[in-house]
Amino acid sequence: MTGLVFTRGGQPLPPLADRPPAVAAPRGRERRPRLYALDGIRLLAALMVAAHHYAGTRRVNQPGNLIWDRPVSDIMPTVFSVSAYGWIGVEIFFVISGFVICMSCWGRTPRQFFVSRVIRLYPAYWFAVLFTTAALAALPGVWPRLPLRDVLLNLTMLQSGQGVMNVDGVYWTLWSELRFYLLFLVVVWMGLTYRRVVIFCCVWGAAAMLAPVAKLPLLALIADPEAAWYFIAGLALYLMHRFGQDLLLWGILGMAWLMGQKEIGARIDEVEHVGSWRGAVLIFTVFLAVMIAVALGYTDRIQWRWLVTAGSLTYPLYLMHYAAGTAVINRLHDTMDPRLLLATVLTGFLLLSWAVYRFVERPLAGAVKRGLDGAFTRLRKE
């Protein structure tokens, strides 16, 4: 190798050490074209997860299950065969999260990073916890109701760290997200540069590889080996997007794929028990190829503004669809065609997600941001 790297247009750049500081480690928050394709991918991933929970899990394919009362493969064999792979939407979320977090906090201070994460995560989450608790109280019989003290602890988003059940099972991914944010906050505090993010990827990746054999619970807790390499893939992809591709970034991405396919196989064997490793890895590989296209600018022509709205539905939809949606299916599965019921429930939750984004998330996020900004200003003065 000559040490050259290439921009998205294919033009060679000099080695990183020889680049001007503005190229090697651009600072500030200069305006960049919005990556509309990411919004569409996020919504597609959320719909994949929802379809899986409604019609593709091992649970819904058991005789006498509490959701459909009979195996989904008997009712909708094609839908079950496709939905069985929908859980990969979670891995897709993790990769996109690594990309978006790195992109959105470049040039920000730790305070700005903290505030941005709080207002992004908590308003819709608070509503989802209360909504799901009310829905399960109104539609009992499918999921257990948690004691009030556990519901209240769920509002912190830290219940997994206390060994307390989630109000909705999908919240387990938020525990991985929070640990990623805390780790990445260290790099934000130091100041984001190409070099520091690459070092972070390598150190975190090494810790994630060692954690399963080290038998150290604290290392496993921090390194999060089940999810780490998906976030690392997202970080590498963003560096490609910002600085251009090079062999080191391709190596990190290749390692993420190799570790990811291993985790995909483990998840099928130990958790999902549906689908095949080959099919799941193929879907994951196609997704990474699409993300590479996004990172290298091949999707920049996609400028469909409705995708912004579509992307805004993703988080509320993910938070609310599972427990409440399956409880609704339990009550209605004998009243209409199962395919129509699936479409109706998904449409209903998409509409609810838009309402939550428009009337809960946006107003509450603004209020929380003002409150936190005021609190940090006071801390700095006193």
Protein backbone atom coordinates (compact mmCIF):
# COMPACT_ATOMS: atom_id res chain seq x y z
CA MET A 1 0.00 0.00 0.00
CA THR A 2 1.18 3.54 -0.78
CA GLY A 3 -0.51 5.08 2.25
CA LEU A 4 -2.97 6.97 0.07
CA VAL A 5 -6.61 7.31 1.07
CA PHE A 6 -9.46 8.33 -1.19
CA THR A 7 -12.30 10.78 -0.95
CA ARG A 8 -15.84 9.87 -1.87
CA GLY A 9 -15.14 11.17 -5.35
CA GLY A 10 -12.27 8.73 -5.73
CA GLN A 11 -9.47 11.34 -5.66
CA PRO A 12 -6.34 10.39 -3.68
CA LEU A 13 -5.40 12.30 -0.55
CA PRO A 14 -1.96 12.37 1.06
CA PRO A 15 -1.35 10.28 4.18
CA LEU A 16 -3.16 11.54 7.26
CA ALA A 17 0.01 12.82 8.88
CA ASP A 18 0.68 15.03 5.82
CA ARG A 19 -2.79 16.52 5.62
CA PRO A 20 -3.51 20.07 6.77
CA PRO A 21 -5.16 20.19 10.22
CA ALA A 22 -8.47 21.24 8.66
CA VAL A 23 -8.59 17.97 6.74
CA ALA A 24 -7.15 15.66 9.37
CA ALA A 25 -9.42 16.74 12.17
CA PRO A 26 -12.09 19.22 11.09
CA ARG A 27 -13.69 21.03 13.97
CA GLY A 28 -16.89 22.94 14.38
CA ARG A 29 -20.34 22.08 13.19
CA GLU A 30 -20.25 23.08 9.55
CA ARG A 31 -23.45 22.34 7.71
CA ARG A 32 -23.46 19.06 5.82
CA PRO A 33 -26.12 17.62 3.51
CA ARG A 34 -28.69 15.63 5.46
CA LEU A 35 -28.42 11.89 4.87
CA TYR A 36 -32.07 11.24 4.09
CA ALA A 37 -31.36 7.59 3.30
CA LEU A 38 -30.53 6.97 6.97
CA ASP A 39 -34.03 8.05 7.99
CA GLY A 40 -35.55 5.53 5.61
CA ILE A 41 -33.25 2.74 6.77
CA ARG A 42 -34.13 3.45 10.40
CA LEU A 43 -37.86 3.19 9.75
CA LEU A 44 -37.37 0.01 7.72
CA ALA A 45 -35.41 -1.50 10.63
CA ALA A 46 -38.17 -0.57 13.10
CA LEU A 47 -40.82 -2.16 10.87
CA MET A 48 -38.66 -5.29 10.58
CA VAL A 49 -38.48 -5.58 14.37
CA ALA A 50 -42.22 -4.97 14.78
CA ALA A 51 -43.12 -7.57 12.14
CA HIS A 52 -40.80 -10.04 13.84
CA HIS A 53 -42.41 -9.53 17.23
CA TYR A 54 -45.90 -9.87 15.81
CA ALA A 55 -45.41 -12.77 13.42
CA GLY A 56 -41.85 -14.11 13.42
CA THR A 57 -40.73 -15.14 16.89
CA ARG A 58 -40.46 -18.65 18.21
CA ARG A 59 -43.12 -17.76 20.78
CA VAL A 60 -45.80 -16.86 18.24
CA ASN A 61 -45.13 -20.10 16.39
CA GLN A 62 -45.99 -22.33 19.36
CA PRO A 63 -49.35 -24.13 19.63
CA GLY A 64 -51.70 -22.30 21.97
CA ASN A 65 -49.48 -19.22 22.24
CA LEU A 66 -51.04 -16.24 24.01
CA ILE A 67 -50.81 -13.93 20.99
CA TRP A 68 -52.33 -15.83 18.05
CA ASP A 69 -53.48 -18.99 19.86
CA ARG A 70 -51.96 -21.17 17.13
CA PRO A 71 -48.67 -21.25 15.20
CA VAL A 72 -48.21 -18.31 12.86
CA SER A 73 -46.55 -20.62 10.34
CA ASP A 74 -49.94 -22.35 10.02
CA ILE A 75 -51.84 -19.07 9.64
CA MET A 76 -49.40 -17.05 7.51
CA PRO A 77 -46.48 -19.28 6.44
CA THR A 78 -44.89 -16.74 4.09
CA VAL A 79 -45.22 -13.90 6.58
CA PHE A 80 -43.63 -16.05 9.28
CA SER A 81 -40.74 -17.09 7.03
CA VAL A 82 -39.90 -13.45 6.25
CA SER A 83 -40.62 -12.02 9.71
CA ALA A 84 -38.41 -14.64 11.34
CA TYR A 85 -35.43 -12.51 10.27
CA GLY A 86 -36.83 -9.18 11.46
CA TRP A 87 -34.81 -9.22 14.69
CA ILE A 88 -31.78 -8.16 12.63
CA GLY A 89 -33.34 -4.70 12.72
CA VAL A 90 -31.80 -4.34 16.19
CA GLU A 91 -28.28 -4.90 14.86
CA ILE A 92 -29.07 -2.39 12.13
CA PHE A 93 -30.11 0.13 14.80
CA PHE A 94 -26.80 -0.32 16.60
CA VAL A 95 -24.75 0.30 13.45
CA ILE A 96 -26.78 3.40 12.57
CA SER A 97 -26.45 4.62 16.15
CA GLY A 98 -22.66 4.45 15.96
CA PHE A 99 -22.74 6.42 12.69
CA VAL A 100 -25.24 9.04 13.84
CA ILE A 101 -23.76 9.62 17.30
CA CYS A 102 -20.33 10.24 15.83
CA MET A 103 -21.81 12.55 13.20
CA SER A 104 -24.07 14.53 15.52
CA CYS A 105 -21.55 15.16 18.31
CA TRP A 106 -18.52 16.08 16.19
CA GLY A 107 -17.32 19.45 17.47
CA ARG A 108 -19.65 19.39 20.47
CA THR A 109 -18.71 19.73 24.09
CA PRO A 110 -19.47 16.97 26.61
CA ARG A 111 -22.26 19.16 27.96
CA GLN A 112 -23.85 19.50 24.52
CA PHE A 113 -23.45 15.76 23.94
CA PHE A 114 -25.12 14.95 27.27
CA VAL A 115 -28.03 17.34 26.69
CA SER A 116 -28.59 16.09 23.15
CA ARG A 117 -28.78 12.47 24.32
CA VAL A 118 -31.16 13.25 27.18
CA ILE A 119 -33.61 15.16 25.03
CA ARG A 120 -33.41 12.53 22.29
CA LEU A 121 -33.94 9.50 24.51
CA TYR A 122 -36.10 10.40 27.46
CA PRO A 123 -39.28 12.33 26.43
CA ALA A 124 -40.62 9.61 24.10
CA TYR A 125 -39.37 6.92 26.49
CA TRP A 126 -41.25 8.39 29.46
CA PHE A 127 -44.45 8.41 27.43
CA ALA A 128 -43.84 4.85 26.21
CA VAL A 129 -43.37 3.51 29.75
CA LEU A 130 -46.64 5.08 30.90
CA PHE A 131 -48.50 4.11 27.73
CA THR A 132 -47.39 0.48 27.84
CA THR A 133 -48.18 0.20 31.56
CA ALA A 134 -51.70 1.52 30.92
CA ALA A 135 -52.18 -0.72 27.88
CA LEU A 136 -51.19 -3.85 29.78
CA ALA A 137 -53.53 -2.90 32.63
CA ALA A 138 -56.39 -2.49 30.13
CA LEU A 139 -55.49 -5.64 28.16
CA PRO A 140 -54.23 -8.23 30.70
CA GLY A 141 -53.45 -11.84 30.03
CA VAL A 142 -50.44 -11.71 27.71
CA TRP A 143 -47.74 -9.95 29.70
CA PRO A 144 -47.27 -9.68 33.47
CA ARG A 145 -47.83 -6.32 35.13
CA LEU A 146 -44.88 -5.00 37.07
CA PRO A 147 -45.15 -3.62 40.60
CA LEU A 148 -45.50 0.15 40.70
CA ARG A 149 -42.02 0.56 42.17
CA ASP A 150 -40.52 -1.27 39.18
CA VAL A 151 -42.54 0.83 36.72
CA LEU A 152 -41.25 3.98 38.40
CA LEU A 153 -37.66 2.71 38.25
CA ASN A 154 -38.16 2.05 34.53
CA LEU A 155 -38.58 5.80 34.07
CA THR A 156 -34.86 6.18 34.81
CA MET A 157 -33.91 3.86 31.92
CA LEU A 158 -31.43 2.30 34.35
CA GLN A 159 -33.55 -0.67 35.44
CA SER A 160 -31.27 -3.22 33.78
CA GLY A 161 -28.43 -2.05 35.97
CA GLN A 162 -30.60 -2.74 39.00
CA GLY A 163 -31.74 -6.19 37.87
CA VAL A 164 -35.34 -4.98 37.43
CA MET A 165 -37.57 -6.18 34.56
CA ASN A 166 -38.35 -3.85 31.67
CA VAL A 167 -41.92 -2.62 31.26
CA ASP A 168 -41.51 -3.70 27.63
CA GLY A 169 -38.95 -6.30 26.57
CA VAL A 170 -37.59 -4.13 23.76
CA TYR A 171 -36.01 -1.76 26.26
CA TRP A 172 -33.03 -4.11 26.62
CA THR A 173 -31.37 -2.37 23.68
CA LEU A 174 -31.42 0.96 25.52
CA TRP A 175 -29.06 -0.49 28.13
CA SER A 176 -26.54 -1.17 25.36
CA GLU A 177 -27.08 2.31 23.93
CA LEU A 178 -26.49 3.97 27.30
CA ARG A 179 -23.22 2.12 27.84
CA PHE A 180 -22.05 3.12 24.37
CA TYR A 181 -22.85 6.78 25.11
CA LEU A 182 -20.94 6.70 28.40
CA LEU A 183 -17.89 5.19 26.73
CA PHE A 184 -17.99 7.56 23.78
CA LEU A 185 -18.41 10.53 26.12
CA VAL A 186 -14.75 10.04 27.05
CA VAL A 187 -13.72 10.63 23.43
CA VAL A 188 -16.07 13.62 23.17
CA TRP A 189 -14.46 15.07 26.30
CA MET A 190 -11.00 14.66 24.75
CA GLY A 191 -12.18 16.17 21.46
CA LEU A 192 -13.19 14.10 18.45
CA THR A 193 -10.53 13.50 15.82
CA TYR A 194 -9.95 10.75 13.29
CA ARG A 195 -7.10 9.35 15.35
CA ARG A 196 -9.00 9.30 18.64
CA VAL A 197 -12.10 7.64 17.21
CA VAL A 198 -9.95 4.98 15.52
CA ILE A 199 -8.11 4.32 18.79
CA PHE A 200 -11.45 4.12 20.60
CA CYS A 201 -12.71 1.55 18.09
CA CYS A 202 -9.57 -0.57 18.48
CA VAL A 203 -9.49 -0.42 22.29
CA TRP A 204 -13.22 -1.11 22.66
CA GLY A 205 -13.04 -3.89 20.11
CA ALA A 206 -10.15 -5.53 21.93
CA ALA A 207 -12.01 -5.32 25.23
CA ALA A 208 -15.13 -6.82 23.63
CA MET A 209 -13.08 -9.73 22.25
CA LEU A 210 -11.42 -10.40 25.60
CA ALA A 211 -14.51 -10.06 27.78
CA PRO A 212 -16.06 -13.51 27.10
CA VAL A 213 -12.88 -15.38 28.05
CA ALA A 214 -11.70 -13.03 30.81
CA LYS A 215 -14.63 -14.05 33.03
CA LEU A 216 -14.65 -10.55 34.56
CA PRO A 217 -18.24 -9.33 35.01
CA LEU A 218 -17.20 -5.67 35.14
CA LEU A 219 -15.29 -5.96 31.85
CA ALA A 220 -18.26 -7.66 30.19
CA LEU A 221 -20.59 -4.96 31.54
CA ILE A 222 -18.46 -2.15 30.16
CA ALA A 223 -17.32 -3.77 26.90
CA ASP A 224 -20.79 -5.11 25.98
CA PRO A 225 -19.37 -7.79 23.64
CA GLU A 226 -22.78 -8.70 22.20
CA ALA A 227 -23.30 -5.22 20.72
CA ALA A 228 -19.92 -3.47 20.66
CA TRP A 229 -18.87 -4.41 17.14
CA TYR A 230 -22.09 -3.10 15.60
CA PHE A 231 -21.49 0.33 17.13
CA ILE A 232 -17.85 0.15 16.03
CA ALA A 233 -18.97 -0.57 12.46
CA GLY A 234 -21.09 2.58 12.56
CA LEU A 235 -18.18 4.66 13.84
CA ALA A 236 -15.88 3.36 11.08
CA LEU A 237 -18.51 4.10 8.45
CA TYR A 238 -18.86 7.67 9.67
CA LEU A 239 -15.09 8.17 9.52
CA MET A 240 -15.26 6.96 5.92
CA HIS A 241 -18.02 9.47 5.28
CA ARG A 242 -16.13 12.37 6.85
CA PHE A 243 -12.49 11.68 5.94
CA GLY A 244 -12.64 9.26 3.02
CA GLN A 245 -11.87 5.56 2.95
CA ASP A 246 -8.56 3.96 3.83
CA LEU A 247 -7.26 0.48 4.55
CA LEU A 248 -7.45 0.91 8.32
CA LEU A 249 -11.15 1.80 8.24
CA TRP A 250 -11.87 -1.09 5.87
CA GLY A 251 -10.02 -3.35 8.30
CA ILE A 252 -12.12 -2.17 11.25
CA LEU A 253 -15.30 -2.64 9.22
CA GLY A 254 -14.19 -6.09 8.08
CA MET A 255 -13.45 -7.11 11.66
CA ALA A 256 -16.88 -5.79 12.70
CA TRP A 257 -18.50 -7.97 10.03
CA LEU A 258 -16.57 -11.05 11.15
CA MET A 259 -17.44 -10.50 14.80
CA GLY A 260 -20.99 -9.58 13.87
CA GLN A 261 -21.66 -12.78 11.95
CA LYS A 262 -20.47 -14.74 14.98
CA GLU A 263 -22.84 -12.84 17.28
CA ILE A 264 -25.68 -13.33 14.79
CA GLY A 265 -25.14 -17.09 14.93
CA ALA A 266 -25.06 -17.03 18.72
CA ARG A 267 -28.28 -15.05 18.86
CA ILE A 268 -30.06 -17.50 16.59
CA ASP A 269 -28.84 -20.47 18.64
CA GLU A 270 -29.38 -19.01 22.10
CA VAL A 271 -32.21 -16.49 21.81
CA GLU A 272 -34.24 -16.43 18.61
CA HIS A 273 -34.33 -20.09 17.51
CA VAL A 274 -35.86 -19.03 14.18
CA GLY A 275 -34.34 -18.38 10.78
CA SER A 276 -30.94 -19.55 9.59
CA TRP A 277 -27.43 -18.21 10.06
CA ARG A 278 -26.88 -17.94 6.31
CA GLY A 279 -30.06 -15.96 5.73
CA ALA A 280 -29.41 -13.64 8.67
CA VAL A 281 -25.80 -12.97 7.66
CA LEU A 282 -26.89 -12.29 4.08
CA ILE A 283 -29.37 -9.65 5.28
CA PHE A 284 -26.78 -8.10 7.57
CA THR A 285 -24.21 -8.04 4.75
CA VAL A 286 -26.64 -6.35 2.36
CA PHE A 287 -27.40 -3.76 5.01
CA LEU A 288 -23.69 -3.03 5.54
CA ALA A 289 -23.30 -2.66 1.78
CA VAL A 290 -26.10 -0.08 1.79
CA MET A 291 -24.46 1.74 4.71
CA ILE A 292 -21.15 1.79 2.80
CA ALA A 293 -23.01 3.39 -0.10
CA VAL A 294 -24.41 6.00 2.30
CA ALA A 295 -20.97 6.65 3.82
CA LEU A 296 -19.31 7.06 0.43
CA GLY A 297 -21.96 9.43 -0.86
CA TYR A 298 -23.73 7.20 -3.37
CA THR A 299 -27.13 7.92 -1.80
CA ASP A 300 -26.71 11.70 -1.59
CA ARG A 301 -29.16 12.14 -4.46
CA ILE A 302 -31.95 10.85 -2.26
CA GLN A 303 -33.54 14.10 -1.06
CA TRP A 304 -37.08 12.98 -0.24
CA ARG A 305 -38.13 15.22 2.62
CA TRP A 306 -40.86 12.85 3.77
CA LEU A 307 -38.07 10.55 4.95
CA VAL A 308 -37.36 13.03 7.76
CA THR A 309 -40.85 12.41 9.09
CA ALA A 310 -40.44 8.68 8.54
CA GLY A 311 -37.24 8.70 10.57
CA SER A 312 -38.88 10.62 13.39
CA LEU A 313 -41.41 7.80 13.83
CA THR A 314 -38.74 5.18 14.40
CA TYR A 315 -37.95 5.65 18.08
CA PRO A 316 -41.57 5.96 19.37
CA LEU A 317 -42.61 3.03 17.18
CA TYR A 318 -39.83 0.84 18.54
CA LEU A 319 -40.61 1.73 22.15
CA MET A 320 -44.38 1.18 21.99
CA HIS A 321 -45.10 -1.56 19.48
CA TYR A 322 -44.23 -4.81 21.25
CA ALA A 323 -46.08 -5.46 24.49
CA ALA A 324 -49.08 -3.27 23.70
CA GLY A 325 -49.28 -4.46 20.08
CA THR A 326 -49.20 -8.16 20.92
CA ALA A 327 -51.84 -7.57 23.61
CA VAL A 328 -54.07 -6.00 20.95
CA ILE A 329 -53.49 -8.93 18.59
CA ASN A 330 -54.45 -11.31 21.41
CA ARG A 331 -57.85 -9.62 21.65
CA LEU A 332 -58.53 -9.25 17.92
CA HIS A 333 -56.96 -12.27 16.21
CA ASP A 334 -60.33 -14.00 15.74
CA THR A 335 -62.12 -10.91 14.42
CA MET A 336 -60.42 -10.37 11.04
CA ASP A 337 -57.97 -11.79 8.53
CA PRO A 338 -54.56 -12.10 10.23
CA ARG A 339 -52.76 -10.20 7.48
CA LEU A 340 -55.25 -7.37 7.71
CA LEU A 341 -54.85 -7.37 11.49
CA LEU A 342 -51.06 -7.11 11.16
CA ALA A 343 -51.38 -4.20 8.75
CA THR A 344 -53.96 -2.50 10.96
CA VAL A 345 -51.89 -2.79 14.12
CA LEU A 346 -48.73 -1.56 12.39
CA THR A 347 -50.59 1.38 10.84
CA GLY A 348 -52.13 2.24 14.19
CA PHE A 349 -48.76 2.32 15.91
CA LEU A 350 -47.24 4.40 13.10
CA LEU A 351 -50.00 6.98 13.58
CA LEU A 352 -49.54 6.89 17.34
CA SER A 353 -45.78 7.30 16.87
CA TRP A 354 -46.34 10.42 14.76
CA ALA A 355 -48.62 11.85 17.46
CA VAL A 356 -46.03 11.13 20.15
CA TYR A 357 -43.29 12.77 18.10
CA ARG A 358 -45.42 15.82 17.29
CA PHE A 359 -47.20 16.43 20.57
CA VAL A 360 -44.98 14.82 23.21
CA GLU A 361 -41.40 14.40 22.09
CA ARG A 362 -40.82 17.77 20.41
CA PRO A 363 -42.46 20.00 23.05
CA LEU A 364 -41.04 18.08 26.00
CA ALA A 365 -37.57 17.92 24.45
CA GLY A 366 -37.57 21.70 24.13
CA ALA A 367 -38.58 22.16 27.75
CA VAL A 368 -35.98 19.66 29.01
CA LYS A 369 -33.27 21.30 26.91
CA ARG A 370 -34.03 24.73 28.32
CA GLY A 371 -34.00 23.35 31.84
CA LEU A 372 -30.70 21.53 31.41
CA ASP A 373 -29.04 24.49 29.68
CA GLY A 374 -30.10 26.69 32.56
CA ALA A 375 -28.81 24.21 35.13
CA PHE A 376 -25.42 23.88 33.42
CA THR A 377 -25.13 27.66 33.10
CA ARG A 378 -25.74 27.96 36.82
CA LEU A 379 -23.13 25.30 37.56
CA ARG A 380 -20.57 27.17 35.51
CA LYS A 381 -21.28 30.48 37.27
CA GLU A 382 -21.31 29.09 40.81
